[in-house]
Amino acid sequence: MCNRENSISIVDGSIKAYTNETGQFQSVVRFECRGMEPTDFSPRTGWTATAADSGALFTDVDLQEKEWCDYDEKEDREVGIYEVKSSFKSVKG
């Protein structure tokens, strides 16, 4: 039997806000992967979102269902995040 340990950890200082409003993929975090390769991302809870037009801040955003919506009182309309998708790209160094 092989006694090989595998791990994935977040690279210090690599977490960045998603600011691309065009819907294109953007790097938001880097992982150090040893013996593993990620295939899917489950965003879960604890996110924050800022409304594009009013700048209203929404805390503890739950993306478990890969979508979220709320009401922006400053703009008097619904705001949301829909169809969350992820992609992994191998980067050396």
Protein backbone atom coordinates (compact mmCIF):
# COMPACT_ATOMS: atom_id res chain seq x y z
CA MET A 1 0.00 0.00 0.00
CA CYS A 2 1.02 3.56 -0.75
CA ASN A 3 1.23 5.99 2.17
CA ARG A 4 1.03 9.10 -0.02
CA GLU A 5 -0.53 12.26 1.42
CA ASN A 6 -2.43 14.64 -0.87
CA SER A 7 -3.36 18.23 -0.08
CA ILE A 8 -4.80 21.43 -1.47
CA SER A 9 -4.15 24.76 0.26
CA ILE A 10 -4.82 28.39 -0.60
CA VAL A 11 -1.69 30.33 -1.57
CA ASP A 12 -1.18 33.19 0.92
CA GLY A 13 -2.21 36.57 -0.50
CA SER A 14 -3.87 35.09 -3.59
CA ILE A 15 -7.54 35.79 -2.78
CA LYS A 16 -8.94 38.61 -4.94
CA ALA A 17 -12.39 40.12 -5.40
CA TYR A 18 -14.34 39.22 -8.54
CA THR A 19 -14.80 42.54 -10.32
CA ASN A 20 -15.48 41.48 -13.90
CA GLU A 21 -19.03 42.52 -14.82
CA THR A 22 -18.81 41.00 -18.31
CA GLY A 23 -19.26 37.48 -16.96
CA GLN A 24 -15.84 36.34 -18.14
CA PHE A 25 -13.70 34.08 -15.97
CA GLN A 26 -11.31 35.90 -13.64
CA SER A 27 -8.75 34.50 -11.21
CA VAL A 28 -10.01 34.91 -7.63
CA VAL A 29 -7.76 32.47 -5.75
CA ARG A 30 -4.69 30.29 -6.27
CA PHE A 31 -4.30 26.83 -4.78
CA GLU A 32 -1.19 24.80 -4.10
CA CYS A 33 -2.12 21.24 -5.10
CA ARG A 34 -0.05 18.24 -4.12
CA GLY A 35 -1.20 14.96 -5.62
CA MET A 36 -4.68 16.33 -6.34
CA GLU A 37 -6.41 18.29 -9.07
CA PRO A 38 -9.61 20.26 -8.34
CA THR A 39 -12.54 19.62 -10.67
CA ASP A 40 -15.42 21.64 -9.17
CA PHE A 41 -15.95 24.61 -6.87
CA SER A 42 -18.68 24.80 -4.25
CA PRO A 43 -18.91 28.46 -3.14
CA ARG A 44 -21.19 27.94 -0.10
CA THR A 45 -21.73 30.80 2.41
CA GLY A 46 -19.92 33.83 3.82
CA TRP A 47 -19.47 35.88 0.63
CA THR A 48 -19.98 39.62 0.28
CA ALA A 49 -21.41 41.38 -2.76
CA THR A 50 -21.52 45.02 -3.80
CA ALA A 51 -24.33 46.30 -6.03
CA ALA A 52 -22.82 47.63 -9.26
CA ASP A 53 -25.00 50.74 -9.51
CA SER A 54 -25.56 51.88 -5.92
CA GLY A 55 -22.54 50.40 -4.17
CA ALA A 56 -24.84 48.80 -1.56
CA LEU A 57 -22.98 46.12 0.41
CA PHE A 58 -24.57 42.73 1.05
CA THR A 59 -22.90 40.52 3.64
CA ASP A 60 -23.11 36.79 4.35
CA VAL A 61 -24.19 36.02 0.78
CA ASP A 62 -25.13 32.33 0.40
CA LEU A 63 -24.05 30.85 -2.95
CA GLN A 64 -24.71 27.19 -2.08
CA GLU A 65 -27.28 27.01 -4.88
CA LYS A 66 -24.85 28.88 -7.19
CA GLU A 67 -27.19 31.85 -7.29
CA TRP A 68 -28.36 34.56 -4.91
CA CYS A 69 -30.74 37.50 -4.98
CA ASP A 70 -31.73 40.31 -2.62
CA TYR A 71 -33.30 43.76 -2.76
CA ASP A 72 -31.25 46.95 -3.15
CA GLU A 73 -33.19 49.63 -1.28
CA LYS A 74 -30.95 52.42 -2.61
CA GLU A 75 -31.87 51.56 -6.22
CA ASP A 76 -35.36 50.21 -5.38
CA ARG A 77 -34.79 46.98 -7.33
CA GLU A 78 -33.73 43.36 -7.11
CA VAL A 79 -30.04 42.48 -7.41
CA GLY A 80 -28.52 39.06 -7.81
CA ILE A 81 -25.78 36.66 -8.77
CA TYR A 82 -26.87 33.92 -11.15
CA GLU A 83 -25.39 30.82 -12.78
CA VAL A 84 -22.11 30.76 -10.83
CA LYS A 85 -19.55 28.82 -12.84
CA SER A 86 -15.94 27.93 -12.12
CA SER A 87 -12.88 26.93 -14.05
CA PHE A 88 -9.48 25.68 -12.95
CA LYS A 89 -6.30 26.54 -14.80
CA SER A 90 -2.92 25.00 -14.02
CA VAL A 91 -0.29 27.63 -13.23
CA LYS A 92 3.33 26.88 -12.45
CA GLY A 93 5.30 28.94 -9.97
